[in-house]
Amino acid sequence: MIVLPRGHLKGPLEERFQVSFNLQLLGRYQKRLQQQLHHWQQNYQSRNALAKLDNARLSDIGVTPEQAKQESNKPFWR
């Protein structure tokens, strides 16, 4: 991050630089937020699918019913 001392750029040029810089930061935060929301959605969907599997299917993937219950009971943000 580039930090310029106040008054280094005078008037409208300083304001334009600050707005542009703020928009770049906002774009980075927006992308990170979208990635986080997508990750949470994947957690929610995969844990719901896991909770619906019967014991035979769990055995096929090498997961015990207890492990499946433990995983599916986790909140989506973990």
C-alpha atoms as a PDB file:
ATOM      1  CA  MET A   1       0.000   0.000   0.000  1.00  0.00           C
ATOM      2  CA  ILE A   2       1.294   3.430  -0.922  1.00  0.00           C
ATOM      3  CA  VAL A   3       0.835   6.083   1.729  1.00  0.00           C
ATOM      4  CA  LEU A   4       1.356   9.656   0.671  1.00  0.00           C
ATOM      5  CA  PRO A   5       1.606  12.472   3.185  1.00  0.00           C
ATOM      6  CA  ARG A   6      -1.416  14.744   3.307  1.00  0.00           C
ATOM      7  CA  GLY A   7      -1.100  17.671   0.970  1.00  0.00           C
ATOM      8  CA  HIS A   8       1.361  15.852  -1.309  1.00  0.00           C
ATOM      9  CA  LEU A   9      -1.194  15.966  -4.119  1.00  0.00           C
ATOM     10  CA  LYS A  10      -3.123  19.197  -4.209  1.00  0.00           C
ATOM     11  CA  GLY A  11      -6.879  19.672  -4.708  1.00  0.00           C
ATOM     12  CA  PRO A  12      -8.931  17.605  -7.168  1.00  0.00           C
ATOM     13  CA  LEU A  13      -5.989  15.378  -8.094  1.00  0.00           C
ATOM     14  CA  GLU A  14      -5.677  14.275  -4.473  1.00  0.00           C
ATOM     15  CA  GLU A  15      -9.417  13.554  -4.286  1.00  0.00           C
ATOM     16  CA  ARG A  16      -9.382  11.591  -7.548  1.00  0.00           C
ATOM     17  CA  PHE A  17      -6.408   9.512  -6.366  1.00  0.00           C
ATOM     18  CA  GLN A  18      -8.111   8.785  -3.038  1.00  0.00           C
ATOM     19  CA  VAL A  19     -11.392   7.722  -4.694  1.00  0.00           C
ATOM     20  CA  SER A  20      -9.541   5.495  -7.148  1.00  0.00           C
ATOM     21  CA  PHE A  21      -7.514   3.921  -4.357  1.00  0.00           C
ATOM     22  CA  ASN A  22     -10.652   3.324  -2.260  1.00  0.00           C
ATOM     23  CA  LEU A  23     -12.405   1.650  -5.212  1.00  0.00           C
ATOM     24  CA  GLN A  24      -9.450  -0.698  -5.679  1.00  0.00           C
ATOM     25  CA  LEU A  25      -9.618  -1.695  -2.008  1.00  0.00           C
ATOM     26  CA  LEU A  26     -13.368  -2.169  -2.245  1.00  0.00           C
ATOM     27  CA  GLY A  27     -12.890  -4.449  -5.272  1.00  0.00           C
ATOM     28  CA  ARG A  28     -10.432  -6.603  -3.331  1.00  0.00           C
ATOM     29  CA  TYR A  29     -12.773  -6.888  -0.358  1.00  0.00           C
ATOM     30  CA  GLN A  30     -15.711  -7.686  -2.634  1.00  0.00           C
ATOM     31  CA  LYS A  31     -13.794 -10.514  -4.312  1.00  0.00           C
ATOM     32  CA  ARG A  32     -12.719 -11.928  -0.940  1.00  0.00           C
ATOM     33  CA  LEU A  33     -16.292 -11.718   0.354  1.00  0.00           C
ATOM     34  CA  GLN A  34     -17.598 -13.542  -2.724  1.00  0.00           C
ATOM     35  CA  GLN A  35     -14.991 -16.277  -2.253  1.00  0.00           C
ATOM     36  CA  GLN A  36     -15.905 -16.654   1.417  1.00  0.00           C
ATOM     37  CA  LEU A  37     -19.635 -16.851   0.657  1.00  0.00           C
ATOM     38  CA  HIS A  38     -18.977 -19.476  -2.013  1.00  0.00           C
ATOM     39  CA  HIS A  39     -16.898 -21.514   0.454  1.00  0.00           C
ATOM     40  CA  TRP A  40     -19.674 -21.344   3.064  1.00  0.00           C
ATOM     41  CA  GLN A  41     -22.246 -22.411   0.493  1.00  0.00           C
ATOM     42  CA  GLN A  42     -20.106 -25.420  -0.450  1.00  0.00           C
ATOM     43  CA  ASN A  43     -19.778 -26.367   3.224  1.00  0.00           C
ATOM     44  CA  TYR A  44     -23.534 -26.134   3.723  1.00  0.00           C
ATOM     45  CA  GLN A  45     -24.375 -28.179   0.636  1.00  0.00           C
ATOM     46  CA  SER A  46     -21.781 -30.897   1.172  1.00  0.00           C
ATOM     47  CA  ARG A  47     -22.713 -31.331   4.837  1.00  0.00           C
ATOM     48  CA  ASN A  48     -26.392 -31.578   3.947  1.00  0.00           C
ATOM     49  CA  ALA A  49     -25.605 -34.210   1.330  1.00  0.00           C
ATOM     50  CA  LEU A  50     -23.457 -36.115   3.823  1.00  0.00           C
ATOM     51  CA  ALA A  51     -26.257 -36.078   6.405  1.00  0.00           C
ATOM     52  CA  LYS A  52     -28.632 -37.687   3.887  1.00  0.00           C
ATOM     53  CA  LEU A  53     -26.399 -40.659   3.041  1.00  0.00           C
ATOM     54  CA  ASP A  54     -27.358 -44.062   4.392  1.00  0.00           C
ATOM     55  CA  ASN A  55     -24.886 -46.350   6.195  1.00  0.00           C
ATOM     56  CA  ALA A  56     -24.084 -48.345   3.048  1.00  0.00           C
ATOM     57  CA  ARG A  57     -23.097 -45.194   1.139  1.00  0.00           C
ATOM     58  CA  LEU A  58     -21.093 -43.900   4.090  1.00  0.00           C
ATOM     59  CA  SER A  59     -19.252 -47.219   4.197  1.00  0.00           C
ATOM     60  CA  ASP A  60     -18.507 -46.864   0.474  1.00  0.00           C
ATOM     61  CA  ILE A  61     -16.701 -43.593   1.084  1.00  0.00           C
ATOM     62  CA  GLY A  62     -14.983 -44.785   4.264  1.00  0.00           C
ATOM     63  CA  VAL A  63     -16.907 -42.646   6.733  1.00  0.00           C
ATOM     64  CA  THR A  64     -18.588 -43.945   9.865  1.00  0.00           C
ATOM     65  CA  PRO A  65     -22.091 -42.762  10.780  1.00  0.00           C
ATOM     66  CA  GLU A  66     -20.618 -41.034  13.831  1.00  0.00           C
ATOM     67  CA  GLN A  67     -18.087 -39.149  11.691  1.00  0.00           C
ATOM     68  CA  ALA A  68     -20.817 -38.151   9.257  1.00  0.00           C
ATOM     69  CA  LYS A  69     -23.028 -36.890  12.080  1.00  0.00           C
ATOM     70  CA  GLN A  70     -20.152 -34.959  13.620  1.00  0.00           C
ATOM     71  CA  GLU A  71     -19.250 -33.340  10.279  1.00  0.00           C
ATOM     72  CA  SER A  72     -22.820 -32.574   9.256  1.00  0.00           C
ATOM     73  CA  ASN A  73     -23.534 -30.911  12.617  1.00  0.00           C
ATOM     74  CA  LYS A  74     -20.746 -28.364  12.131  1.00  0.00           C
ATOM     75  CA  PRO A  75     -21.898 -24.849  11.287  1.00  0.00           C
ATOM     76  CA  PHE A  76     -21.297 -23.809   7.692  1.00  0.00           C
ATOM     77  CA  TRP A  77     -18.677 -21.228   8.661  1.00  0.00           C
ATOM     78  CA  ARG A  78     -16.298 -23.819  10.119  1.00  0.00           C
END
